[in-house]
């Protein structure tokens, strides 16, 4: 039986985390707002003000954390696709996937409870892990050339790594 690469497993779990955040936001908003507002068409003239201006600061933070994860999840999905399709999975990319997921899990309470500066630091850890995964596909060839003692080939191998990404 084939097993999923750890990066793909982390991506699937990050998707489930997004579902949990949507549910958390929905439950908290529905507890605070009139059902006519949350179940209706949400036309601006009907609401009086945007829904997020009518909820508590904590529910607003839950909403913003959920939206932030949508943004981060797009980049993480790209990173996982690039690494797995480029057949560049490694223990390092697997660790990056798990670090991203852990950062996103920690980010929710950090945002909701206003942990300063931890929220921003946790966010940066997740972004760095994602960027590192993408960077690996570009740098794996030149690093291999360097370790093989082929220092003169580093520029050519970097170009080959970039071409691998494009192809």
Foldseek 3Di string as FASTA:
>chain_A
DDDDALLVVLLVVLVVVLVVLVVVLLVQLPVQDDCCCVVDPNDCVVPVHHSLVRHDPLSVLSVVLSVVSVVLSVLSVVLSCLCVVLVPDDPLLSVLSVLLSVLSVVLNCCRSVVPPPVNVVSVVSNVVSSVVSVVCLLQVQLVVCVVVVNPVCNVVSSVVSVVSSVD
